[in-house]
Amino acid sequence: LAVGVTFALLPGVNIFAAIGLIGAITFLLSALGIKIGNVFGAK
């Protein structure tokens, strides 16, 4: 949320590209995190 406020203050930020990228990366890393946690633990 705070980063979104920052985006509004910076020139040249395409908010839709930004939120799409943030959502997609978080989706992938969250799914990967479930697998890593289940296999390797909290390391």
PDB file of all heavy atoms in Angstrom:
ATOM      1  N   LEU A   1       0.847  -1.202   0.000  1.00  0.00           N
ATOM      2  CA  LEU A   1       0.000   0.000   0.000  1.00  0.00           C
ATOM      3  C   LEU A   1       0.879   1.247   0.000  1.00  0.00           C
ATOM      4  O   LEU A   1       0.661   2.182  -0.781  1.00  0.00           O
ATOM      5  CB  LEU A   1      -0.924  -0.009   1.220  1.00  0.00           C
ATOM      6  CG  LEU A   1      -1.866   1.177   1.368  1.00  0.00           C
ATOM      7  CD1 LEU A   1      -2.990   1.098   0.358  1.00  0.00           C
ATOM      8  CD2 LEU A   1      -2.436   1.210   2.779  1.00  0.00           C
ATOM      9  N   ALA A   2       1.883   1.258   0.858  1.00  0.00           N
ATOM     10  CA  ALA A   2       2.798   2.393   0.926  1.00  0.00           C
ATOM     11  C   ALA A   2       3.588   2.550  -0.374  1.00  0.00           C
ATOM     12  O   ALA A   2       3.828   3.673  -0.831  1.00  0.00           O
ATOM     13  CB  ALA A   2       3.740   2.230   2.109  1.00  0.00           C
ATOM     14  N   VAL A   3       3.972   1.447  -0.986  1.00  0.00           N
ATOM     15  CA  VAL A   3       4.683   1.515  -2.261  1.00  0.00           C
ATOM     16  C   VAL A   3       3.762   2.089  -3.333  1.00  0.00           C
ATOM     17  O   VAL A   3       4.202   2.860  -4.196  1.00  0.00           O
ATOM     18  CB  VAL A   3       5.247   0.135  -2.660  1.00  0.00           C
ATOM     19  CG1 VAL A   3       5.752   0.126  -4.091  1.00  0.00           C
ATOM     20  CG2 VAL A   3       6.360  -0.261  -1.705  1.00  0.00           C
ATOM     21  N   GLY A   4       2.482   1.769  -3.280  1.00  0.00           N
ATOM     22  CA  GLY A   4       1.520   2.349  -4.217  1.00  0.00           C
ATOM     23  C   GLY A   4       1.443   3.861  -4.088  1.00  0.00           C
ATOM     24  O   GLY A   4       1.359   4.579  -5.095  1.00  0.00           O
ATOM     25  N   VAL A   5       1.486   4.361  -2.863  1.00  0.00           N
ATOM     26  CA  VAL A   5       1.525   5.811  -2.643  1.00  0.00           C
ATOM     27  C   VAL A   5       2.785   6.370  -3.297  1.00  0.00           C
ATOM     28  O   VAL A   5       2.754   7.405  -3.976  1.00  0.00           O
ATOM     29  CB  VAL A   5       1.487   6.155  -1.135  1.00  0.00           C
ATOM     30  CG1 VAL A   5       1.746   7.636  -0.900  1.00  0.00           C
ATOM     31  CG2 VAL A   5       0.144   5.751  -0.532  1.00  0.00           C
ATOM     32  N   THR A   6       3.893   5.692  -3.120  1.00  0.00           N
ATOM     33  CA  THR A   6       5.153   6.113  -3.723  1.00  0.00           C
ATOM     34  C   THR A   6       5.050   6.138  -5.242  1.00  0.00           C
ATOM     35  O   THR A   6       5.527   7.074  -5.888  1.00  0.00           O
ATOM     36  CB  THR A   6       6.294   5.159  -3.289  1.00  0.00           C
ATOM     37  OG1 THR A   6       6.366   5.139  -1.867  1.00  0.00           O
ATOM     38  CG2 THR A   6       7.619   5.587  -3.868  1.00  0.00           C
ATOM     39  N   PHE A   7       4.425   5.132  -5.832  1.00  0.00           N
ATOM     40  CA  PHE A   7       4.247   5.100  -7.286  1.00  0.00           C
ATOM     41  C   PHE A   7       3.513   6.343  -7.789  1.00  0.00           C
ATOM     42  O   PHE A   7       3.819   6.853  -8.861  1.00  0.00           O
ATOM     43  CB  PHE A   7       3.475   3.848  -7.724  1.00  0.00           C
ATOM     44  CG  PHE A   7       4.272   2.574  -7.704  1.00  0.00           C
ATOM     45  CD1 PHE A   7       3.613   1.356  -7.666  1.00  0.00           C
ATOM     46  CD2 PHE A   7       5.653   2.572  -7.745  1.00  0.00           C
ATOM     47  CE1 PHE A   7       4.320   0.157  -7.672  1.00  0.00           C
ATOM     48  CE2 PHE A   7       6.373   1.379  -7.740  1.00  0.00           C
ATOM     49  CZ  PHE A   7       5.706   0.174  -7.706  1.00  0.00           C
ATOM     50  N   ALA A   8       2.537   6.807  -7.043  1.00  0.00           N
ATOM     51  CA  ALA A   8       1.775   7.980  -7.456  1.00  0.00           C
ATOM     52  C   ALA A   8       2.642   9.231  -7.458  1.00  0.00           C
ATOM     53  O   ALA A   8       2.355  10.189  -8.182  1.00  0.00           O
ATOM     54  CB  ALA A   8       0.572   8.176  -6.537  1.00  0.00           C
ATOM     55  N   LEU A   9       3.690   9.239  -6.680  1.00  0.00           N
ATOM     56  CA  LEU A   9       4.553  10.407  -6.552  1.00  0.00           C
ATOM     57  C   LEU A   9       5.718  10.395  -7.532  1.00  0.00           C
ATOM     58  O   LEU A   9       6.411  11.401  -7.673  1.00  0.00           O
ATOM     59  CB  LEU A   9       5.100  10.500  -5.123  1.00  0.00           C
ATOM     60  CG  LEU A   9       4.054  10.522  -4.008  1.00  0.00           C
ATOM     61  CD1 LEU A   9       4.730  10.494  -2.647  1.00  0.00           C
ATOM     62  CD2 LEU A   9       3.144  11.728  -4.146  1.00  0.00           C
ATOM     63  N   LEU A  10       5.935   9.278  -8.203  1.00  0.00           N
ATOM     64  CA  LEU A  10       7.058   9.157  -9.123  1.00  0.00           C
ATOM     65  C   LEU A  10       6.589   9.321 -10.565  1.00  0.00           C
ATOM     66  O   LEU A  10       5.517   8.828 -10.928  1.00  0.00           O
ATOM     67  CB  LEU A  10       7.732   7.794  -8.962  1.00  0.00           C
ATOM     68  CG  LEU A  10       8.351   7.504  -7.604  1.00  0.00           C
ATOM     69  CD1 LEU A  10       8.844   6.063  -7.550  1.00  0.00           C
ATOM     70  CD2 LEU A  10       9.491   8.468  -7.332  1.00  0.00           C
ATOM     71  N   PRO A  11       7.400   9.982 -11.386  1.00  0.00           N
ATOM     72  CA  PRO A  11       7.010  10.131 -12.793  1.00  0.00           C
ATOM     73  C   PRO A  11       7.220   8.832 -13.569  1.00  0.00           C
ATOM     74  O   PRO A  11       8.122   8.055 -13.276  1.00  0.00           O
ATOM     75  CB  PRO A  11       7.965  11.221 -13.298  1.00  0.00           C
ATOM     76  CG  PRO A  11       9.161  11.128 -12.405  1.00  0.00           C
ATOM     77  CD  PRO A  11       8.641  10.666 -11.065  1.00  0.00           C
ATOM     78  N   GLY A  12       6.368   8.604 -14.541  1.00  0.00           N
ATOM     79  CA  GLY A  12       6.567   7.495 -15.465  1.00  0.00           C
ATOM     80  C   GLY A  12       6.255   6.114 -14.934  1.00  0.00           C
ATOM     81  O   GLY A  12       6.769   5.136 -15.470  1.00  0.00           O
ATOM     82  N   VAL A  13       5.432   5.992 -13.915  1.00  0.00           N
ATOM     83  CA  VAL A  13       5.076   4.670 -13.405  1.00  0.00           C
ATOM     84  C   VAL A  13       3.766   4.227 -14.065  1.00  0.00           C
ATOM     85  O   VAL A  13       2.746   4.897 -13.952  1.00  0.00           O
ATOM     86  CB  VAL A  13       4.903   4.677 -11.868  1.00  0.00           C
ATOM     87  CG1 VAL A  13       4.416   3.319 -11.386  1.00  0.00           C
ATOM     88  CG2 VAL A  13       6.205   5.045 -11.191  1.00  0.00           C
ATOM     89  N   ASN A  14       3.813   3.113 -14.759  1.00  0.00           N
ATOM     90  CA  ASN A  14       2.610   2.507 -15.315  1.00  0.00           C
ATOM     91  C   ASN A  14       2.040   1.608 -14.218  1.00  0.00           C
ATOM     92  O   ASN A  14       2.532   0.497 -13.998  1.00  0.00           O
ATOM     93  CB  ASN A  14       2.947   1.711 -16.574  1.00  0.00           C
ATOM     94  CG  ASN A  14       1.739   1.035 -17.180  1.00  0.00           C
ATOM     95  OD1 ASN A  14       0.730   0.775 -16.514  1.00  0.00           O
ATOM     96  ND2 ASN A  14       1.840   0.732 -18.454  1.00  0.00           N
ATOM     97  N   ILE A  15       1.018   2.090 -13.525  1.00  0.00           N
ATOM     98  CA  ILE A  15       0.503   1.389 -12.347  1.00  0.00           C
ATOM     99  C   ILE A  15      -0.031   0.005 -12.700  1.00  0.00           C
ATOM    100  O   ILE A  15       0.122  -0.937 -11.920  1.00  0.00           O
ATOM    101  CB  ILE A  15      -0.553   2.235 -11.591  1.00  0.00           C
ATOM    102  CG1 ILE A  15      -0.915   1.578 -10.245  1.00  0.00           C
ATOM    103  CG2 ILE A  15      -1.777   2.478 -12.434  1.00  0.00           C
ATOM    104  CD1 ILE A  15       0.207   1.425  -9.277  1.00  0.00           C
ATOM    105  N   PHE A  16      -0.616  -0.144 -13.869  1.00  0.00           N
ATOM    106  CA  PHE A  16      -1.181  -1.440 -14.227  1.00  0.00           C
ATOM    107  C   PHE A  16      -0.094  -2.466 -14.526  1.00  0.00           C
ATOM    108  O   PHE A  16      -0.212  -3.635 -14.158  1.00  0.00           O
ATOM    109  CB  PHE A  16      -2.175  -1.299 -15.378  1.00  0.00           C
ATOM    110  CG  PHE A  16      -3.350  -0.448 -14.981  1.00  0.00           C
ATOM    111  CD1 PHE A  16      -3.501   0.826 -15.492  1.00  0.00           C
ATOM    112  CD2 PHE A  16      -4.268  -0.904 -14.045  1.00  0.00           C
ATOM    113  CE1 PHE A  16      -4.566   1.623 -15.091  1.00  0.00           C
ATOM    114  CE2 PHE A  16      -5.335  -0.120 -13.641  1.00  0.00           C
ATOM    115  CZ  PHE A  16      -5.481   1.151 -14.170  1.00  0.00           C
ATOM    116  N   ALA A  17       0.984  -2.033 -15.164  1.00  0.00           N
ATOM    117  CA  ALA A  17       2.125  -2.934 -15.366  1.00  0.00           C
ATOM    118  C   ALA A  17       2.749  -3.274 -14.016  1.00  0.00           C
ATOM    119  O   ALA A  17       3.123  -4.427 -13.769  1.00  0.00           O
ATOM    120  CB  ALA A  17       3.156  -2.282 -16.282  1.00  0.00           C
ATOM    121  N   ALA A  18       2.850  -2.283 -13.137  1.00  0.00           N
ATOM    122  CA  ALA A  18       3.456  -2.496 -11.820  1.00  0.00           C
ATOM    123  C   ALA A  18       2.651  -3.496 -10.995  1.00  0.00           C
ATOM    124  O   ALA A  18       3.215  -4.443 -10.443  1.00  0.00           O
ATOM    125  CB  ALA A  18       3.586  -1.169 -11.071  1.00  0.00           C
ATOM    126  N   ILE A  19       1.330  -3.302 -10.918  1.00  0.00           N
ATOM    127  CA  ILE A  19       0.539  -4.213 -10.088  1.00  0.00           C
ATOM    128  C   ILE A  19       0.457  -5.605 -10.703  1.00  0.00           C
ATOM    129  O   ILE A  19       0.414  -6.602  -9.997  1.00  0.00           O
ATOM    130  CB  ILE A  19      -0.865  -3.662  -9.752  1.00  0.00           C
ATOM    131  CG1 ILE A  19      -1.726  -3.495 -10.999  1.00  0.00           C
ATOM    132  CG2 ILE A  19      -0.759  -2.371  -8.963  1.00  0.00           C
ATOM    133  CD1 ILE A  19      -3.165  -3.125 -10.725  1.00  0.00           C
ATOM    134  N   GLY A  20       0.472  -5.666 -12.032  1.00  0.00           N
ATOM    135  CA  GLY A  20       0.482  -6.982 -12.687  1.00  0.00           C
ATOM    136  C   GLY A  20       1.762  -7.743 -12.376  1.00  0.00           C
ATOM    137  O   GLY A  20       1.730  -8.935 -12.057  1.00  0.00           O
ATOM    138  N   LEU A  21       2.881  -7.039 -12.449  1.00  0.00           N
ATOM    139  CA  LEU A  21       4.169  -7.668 -12.157  1.00  0.00           C
ATOM    140  C   LEU A  21       4.272  -8.050 -10.686  1.00  0.00           C
ATOM    141  O   LEU A  21       4.700  -9.164 -10.357  1.00  0.00           O
ATOM    142  CB  LEU A  21       5.302  -6.712 -12.545  1.00  0.00           C
ATOM    143  CG  LEU A  21       6.705  -7.277 -12.528  1.00  0.00           C
ATOM    144  CD1 LEU A  21       6.845  -8.454 -13.499  1.00  0.00           C
ATOM    145  CD2 LEU A  21       7.710  -6.193 -12.881  1.00  0.00           C
ATOM    146  N   ILE A  22       3.866  -7.158  -9.796  1.00  0.00           N
ATOM    147  CA  ILE A  22       3.908  -7.442  -8.358  1.00  0.00           C
ATOM    148  C   ILE A  22       3.026  -8.647  -8.028  1.00  0.00           C
ATOM    149  O   ILE A  22       3.436  -9.554  -7.303  1.00  0.00           O
ATOM    150  CB  ILE A  22       3.486  -6.206  -7.535  1.00  0.00           C
ATOM    151  CG1 ILE A  22       4.558  -5.116  -7.637  1.00  0.00           C
ATOM    152  CG2 ILE A  22       3.222  -6.575  -6.074  1.00  0.00           C
ATOM    153  CD1 ILE A  22       4.110  -3.753  -7.115  1.00  0.00           C
ATOM    154  N   GLY A  23       1.819  -8.665  -8.567  1.00  0.00           N
ATOM    155  CA  GLY A  23       0.901  -9.779  -8.308  1.00  0.00           C
ATOM    156  C   GLY A  23       1.427 -11.099  -8.849  1.00  0.00           C
ATOM    157  O   GLY A  23       1.378 -12.131  -8.171  1.00  0.00           O
ATOM    158  N   ALA A  24       1.957 -11.073 -10.074  1.00  0.00           N
ATOM    159  CA  ALA A  24       2.450 -12.307 -10.701  1.00  0.00           C
ATOM    160  C   ALA A  24       3.678 -12.860  -9.964  1.00  0.00           C
ATOM    161  O   ALA A  24       3.755 -14.059  -9.686  1.00  0.00           O
ATOM    162  CB  ALA A  24       2.787 -12.054 -12.172  1.00  0.00           C
ATOM    163  N   ILE A  25       4.613 -11.989  -9.643  1.00  0.00           N
ATOM    164  CA  ILE A  25       5.831 -12.442  -8.942  1.00  0.00           C
ATOM    165  C   ILE A  25       5.461 -12.986  -7.563  1.00  0.00           C
ATOM    166  O   ILE A  25       5.976 -14.033  -7.143  1.00  0.00           O
ATOM    167  CB  ILE A  25       6.841 -11.286  -8.818  1.00  0.00           C
ATOM    168  CG1 ILE A  25       7.262 -10.853 -10.194  1.00  0.00           C
ATOM    169  CG2 ILE A  25       7.987 -11.633  -7.892  1.00  0.00           C
ATOM    170  CD1 ILE A  25       8.670 -11.023 -10.596  1.00  0.00           C
ATOM    171  N   THR A  26       4.577 -12.278  -6.865  1.00  0.00           N
ATOM    172  CA  THR A  26       4.181 -12.744  -5.535  1.00  0.00           C
ATOM    173  C   THR A  26       3.439 -14.072  -5.630  1.00  0.00           C
ATOM    174  O   THR A  26       3.656 -14.958  -4.807  1.00  0.00           O
ATOM    175  CB  THR A  26       3.323 -11.685  -4.816  1.00  0.00           C
ATOM    176  OG1 THR A  26       4.045 -10.455  -4.769  1.00  0.00           O
ATOM    177  CG2 THR A  26       2.973 -12.122  -3.407  1.00  0.00           C
ATOM    178  N   PHE A  27       2.573 -14.217  -6.627  1.00  0.00           N
ATOM    179  CA  PHE A  27       1.870 -15.475  -6.834  1.00  0.00           C
ATOM    180  C   PHE A  27       2.876 -16.619  -6.982  1.00  0.00           C
ATOM    181  O   PHE A  27       2.782 -17.636  -6.286  1.00  0.00           O
ATOM    182  CB  PHE A  27       0.974 -15.390  -8.078  1.00  0.00           C
ATOM    183  CG  PHE A  27       0.199 -16.644  -8.349  1.00  0.00           C
ATOM    184  CD1 PHE A  27      -1.110 -16.762  -7.906  1.00  0.00           C
ATOM    185  CD2 PHE A  27       0.760 -17.714  -9.032  1.00  0.00           C
ATOM    186  CE1 PHE A  27      -1.837 -17.928  -8.138  1.00  0.00           C
ATOM    187  CE2 PHE A  27       0.048 -18.881  -9.266  1.00  0.00           C
ATOM    188  CZ  PHE A  27      -1.256 -18.988  -8.820  1.00  0.00           C
ATOM    189  N   LEU A  28       3.819 -16.449  -7.883  1.00  0.00           N
ATOM    190  CA  LEU A  28       4.802 -17.515  -8.151  1.00  0.00           C
ATOM    191  C   LEU A  28       5.669 -17.810  -6.928  1.00  0.00           C
ATOM    192  O   LEU A  28       5.881 -18.983  -6.584  1.00  0.00           O
ATOM    193  CB  LEU A  28       5.681 -17.122  -9.333  1.00  0.00           C
ATOM    194  CG  LEU A  28       4.987 -17.077 -10.693  1.00  0.00           C
ATOM    195  CD1 LEU A  28       5.916 -16.482 -11.753  1.00  0.00           C
ATOM    196  CD2 LEU A  28       4.513 -18.456 -11.102  1.00  0.00           C
ATOM    197  N   LEU A  29       6.169 -16.759  -6.265  1.00  0.00           N
ATOM    198  CA  LEU A  29       7.043 -16.983  -5.118  1.00  0.00           C
ATOM    199  C   LEU A  29       6.284 -17.561  -3.919  1.00  0.00           C
ATOM    200  O   LEU A  29       6.856 -18.325  -3.142  1.00  0.00           O
ATOM    201  CB  LEU A  29       7.767 -15.700  -4.735  1.00  0.00           C
ATOM    202  CG  LEU A  29       8.884 -15.290  -5.700  1.00  0.00           C
ATOM    203  CD1 LEU A  29       9.523 -13.980  -5.273  1.00  0.00           C
ATOM    204  CD2 LEU A  29       9.939 -16.378  -5.810  1.00  0.00           C
ATOM    205  N   SER A  30       5.015 -17.213  -3.784  1.00  0.00           N
ATOM    206  CA  SER A  30       4.219 -17.781  -2.691  1.00  0.00           C
ATOM    207  C   SER A  30       3.994 -19.271  -2.905  1.00  0.00           C
ATOM    208  O   SER A  30       4.129 -20.073  -1.971  1.00  0.00           O
ATOM    209  CB  SER A  30       2.877 -17.055  -2.569  1.00  0.00           C
ATOM    210  OG  SER A  30       3.076 -15.712  -2.236  1.00  0.00           O
ATOM    211  N   ALA A  31       3.658 -19.653  -4.128  1.00  0.00           N
ATOM    212  CA  ALA A  31       3.481 -21.071  -4.435  1.00  0.00           C
ATOM    213  C   ALA A  31       4.799 -21.820  -4.236  1.00  0.00           C
ATOM    214  O   ALA A  31       4.830 -22.904  -3.638  1.00  0.00           O
ATOM    215  CB  ALA A  31       2.977 -21.236  -5.871  1.00  0.00           C
ATOM    216  N   LEU A  32       5.887 -21.220  -4.694  1.00  0.00           N
ATOM    217  CA  LEU A  32       7.206 -21.821  -4.512  1.00  0.00           C
ATOM    218  C   LEU A  32       7.575 -21.906  -3.026  1.00  0.00           C
ATOM    219  O   LEU A  32       8.143 -22.902  -2.578  1.00  0.00           O
ATOM    220  CB  LEU A  32       8.257 -20.996  -5.263  1.00  0.00           C
ATOM    221  CG  LEU A  32       9.690 -21.504  -5.205  1.00  0.00           C
ATOM    222  CD1 LEU A  32       9.810 -22.873  -5.874  1.00  0.00           C
ATOM    223  CD2 LEU A  32      10.619 -20.498  -5.866  1.00  0.00           C
ATOM    224  N   GLY A  33       7.201 -20.892  -2.254  1.00  0.00           N
ATOM    225  CA  GLY A  33       7.471 -20.888  -0.816  1.00  0.00           C
ATOM    226  C   GLY A  33       6.797 -22.041  -0.099  1.00  0.00           C
ATOM    227  O   GLY A  33       7.373 -22.637   0.822  1.00  0.00           O
ATOM    228  N   ILE A  34       5.569 -22.358  -0.504  1.00  0.00           N
ATOM    229  CA  ILE A  34       4.866 -23.511   0.092  1.00  0.00           C
ATOM    230  C   ILE A  34       5.684 -24.777  -0.137  1.00  0.00           C
ATOM    231  O   ILE A  34       5.914 -25.567   0.778  1.00  0.00           O
ATOM    232  CB  ILE A  34       3.449 -23.670  -0.511  1.00  0.00           C
ATOM    233  CG1 ILE A  34       2.569 -22.459  -0.192  1.00  0.00           C
ATOM    234  CG2 ILE A  34       2.797 -24.970  -0.056  1.00  0.00           C
ATOM    235  CD1 ILE A  34       2.199 -22.286   1.246  1.00  0.00           C
ATOM    236  N   LYS A  35       6.153 -24.963  -1.360  1.00  0.00           N
ATOM    237  CA  LYS A  35       6.937 -26.155  -1.700  1.00  0.00           C
ATOM    238  C   LYS A  35       8.262 -26.177  -0.939  1.00  0.00           C
ATOM    239  O   LYS A  35       8.630 -27.198  -0.351  1.00  0.00           O
ATOM    240  CB  LYS A  35       7.189 -26.192  -3.218  1.00  0.00           C
ATOM    241  CG  LYS A  35       7.970 -27.395  -3.670  1.00  0.00           C
ATOM    242  CD  LYS A  35       7.172 -28.664  -3.486  1.00  0.00           C
ATOM    243  CE  LYS A  35       7.902 -29.848  -4.085  1.00  0.00           C
ATOM    244  NZ  LYS A  35       7.236 -31.101  -3.753  1.00  0.00           N
ATOM    245  N   ILE A  36       8.967 -25.054  -0.945  1.00  0.00           N
ATOM    246  CA  ILE A  36      10.261 -24.986  -0.254  1.00  0.00           C
ATOM    247  C   ILE A  36      10.087 -25.249   1.235  1.00  0.00           C
ATOM    248  O   ILE A  36      10.860 -26.005   1.830  1.00  0.00           O
ATOM    249  CB  ILE A  36      10.937 -23.623  -0.501  1.00  0.00           C
ATOM    250  CG1 ILE A  36      11.414 -23.535  -1.949  1.00  0.00           C
ATOM    251  CG2 ILE A  36      12.105 -23.405   0.465  1.00  0.00           C
ATOM    252  CD1 ILE A  36      11.915 -22.167  -2.355  1.00  0.00           C
ATOM    253  N   GLY A  37       9.085 -24.626   1.834  1.00  0.00           N
ATOM    254  CA  GLY A  37       8.840 -24.836   3.262  1.00  0.00           C
ATOM    255  C   GLY A  37       8.538 -26.279   3.577  1.00  0.00           C
ATOM    256  O   GLY A  37       9.011 -26.817   4.577  1.00  0.00           O
ATOM    257  N   ASN A  38       7.762 -26.913   2.724  1.00  0.00           N
ATOM    258  CA  ASN A  38       7.401 -28.302   2.947  1.00  0.00           C
ATOM    259  C   ASN A  38       8.590 -29.233   2.777  1.00  0.00           C
ATOM    260  O   ASN A  38       8.704 -30.234   3.472  1.00  0.00           O
ATOM    261  CB  ASN A  38       6.257 -28.694   2.008  1.00  0.00           C
ATOM    262  CG  ASN A  38       5.598 -29.976   2.412  1.00  0.00           C
ATOM    263  OD1 ASN A  38       5.744 -30.984   1.744  1.00  0.00           O
ATOM    264  ND2 ASN A  38       4.875 -29.940   3.517  1.00  0.00           N
ATOM    265  N   VAL A  39       9.509 -28.878   1.880  1.00  0.00           N
ATOM    266  CA  VAL A  39      10.663 -29.737   1.624  1.00  0.00           C
ATOM    267  C   VAL A  39      11.849 -29.410   2.534  1.00  0.00           C
ATOM    268  O   VAL A  39      12.454 -30.297   3.121  1.00  0.00           O
ATOM    269  CB  VAL A  39      11.095 -29.631   0.135  1.00  0.00           C
ATOM    270  CG1 VAL A  39      12.392 -30.373  -0.115  1.00  0.00           C
ATOM    271  CG2 VAL A  39      10.002 -30.167  -0.769  1.00  0.00           C
ATOM    272  N   PHE A  40      12.164 -28.119   2.663  1.00  0.00           N
ATOM    273  CA  PHE A  40      13.395 -27.727   3.350  1.00  0.00           C
ATOM    274  C   PHE A  40      13.211 -27.122   4.736  1.00  0.00           C
ATOM    275  O   PHE A  40      14.180 -26.960   5.459  1.00  0.00           O
ATOM    276  CB  PHE A  40      14.167 -26.712   2.512  1.00  0.00           C
ATOM    277  CG  PHE A  40      14.625 -27.247   1.206  1.00  0.00           C
ATOM    278  CD1 PHE A  40      14.028 -26.835   0.027  1.00  0.00           C
ATOM    279  CD2 PHE A  40      15.637 -28.181   1.136  1.00  0.00           C
ATOM    280  CE1 PHE A  40      14.437 -27.326  -1.190  1.00  0.00           C
ATOM    281  CE2 PHE A  40      16.060 -28.683  -0.080  1.00  0.00           C
ATOM    282  CZ  PHE A  40      15.452 -28.254  -1.249  1.00  0.00           C
ATOM    283  N   GLY A  41      12.013 -26.713   5.080  1.00  0.00           N
ATOM    284  CA  GLY A  41      11.806 -26.087   6.382  1.00  0.00           C
ATOM    285  C   GLY A  41      12.043 -24.595   6.359  1.00  0.00           C
ATOM    286  O   GLY A  41      12.074 -23.973   5.307  1.00  0.00           O
ATOM    287  N   ALA A  42      12.240 -24.005   7.526  1.00  0.00           N
ATOM    288  CA  ALA A  42      12.306 -22.559   7.695  1.00  0.00           C
ATOM    289  C   ALA A  42      13.692 -21.967   7.451  1.00  0.00           C
ATOM    290  O   ALA A  42      13.938 -20.815   7.767  1.00  0.00           O
ATOM    291  CB  ALA A  42      11.827 -22.194   9.096  1.00  0.00           C
ATOM    292  N   LYS A  43      14.577 -22.727   6.860  1.00  0.00           N
ATOM    293  CA  LYS A  43      15.965 -22.292   6.673  1.00  0.00           C
ATOM    294  C   LYS A  43      16.090 -20.976   5.901  1.00  0.00           C
ATOM    295  O   LYS A  43      16.966 -20.170   6.180  1.00  0.00           O
ATOM    296  CB  LYS A  43      16.729 -23.393   5.947  1.00  0.00           C
ATOM    297  CG  LYS A  43      18.177 -23.107   5.694  1.00  0.00           C
ATOM    298  CD  LYS A  43      18.837 -24.280   4.995  1.00  0.00           C
ATOM    299  CE  LYS A  43      20.286 -23.986   4.701  1.00  0.00           C
ATOM    300  NZ  LYS A  43      20.922 -25.084   3.988  1.00  0.00           N
TER     301      LYS A  43
END
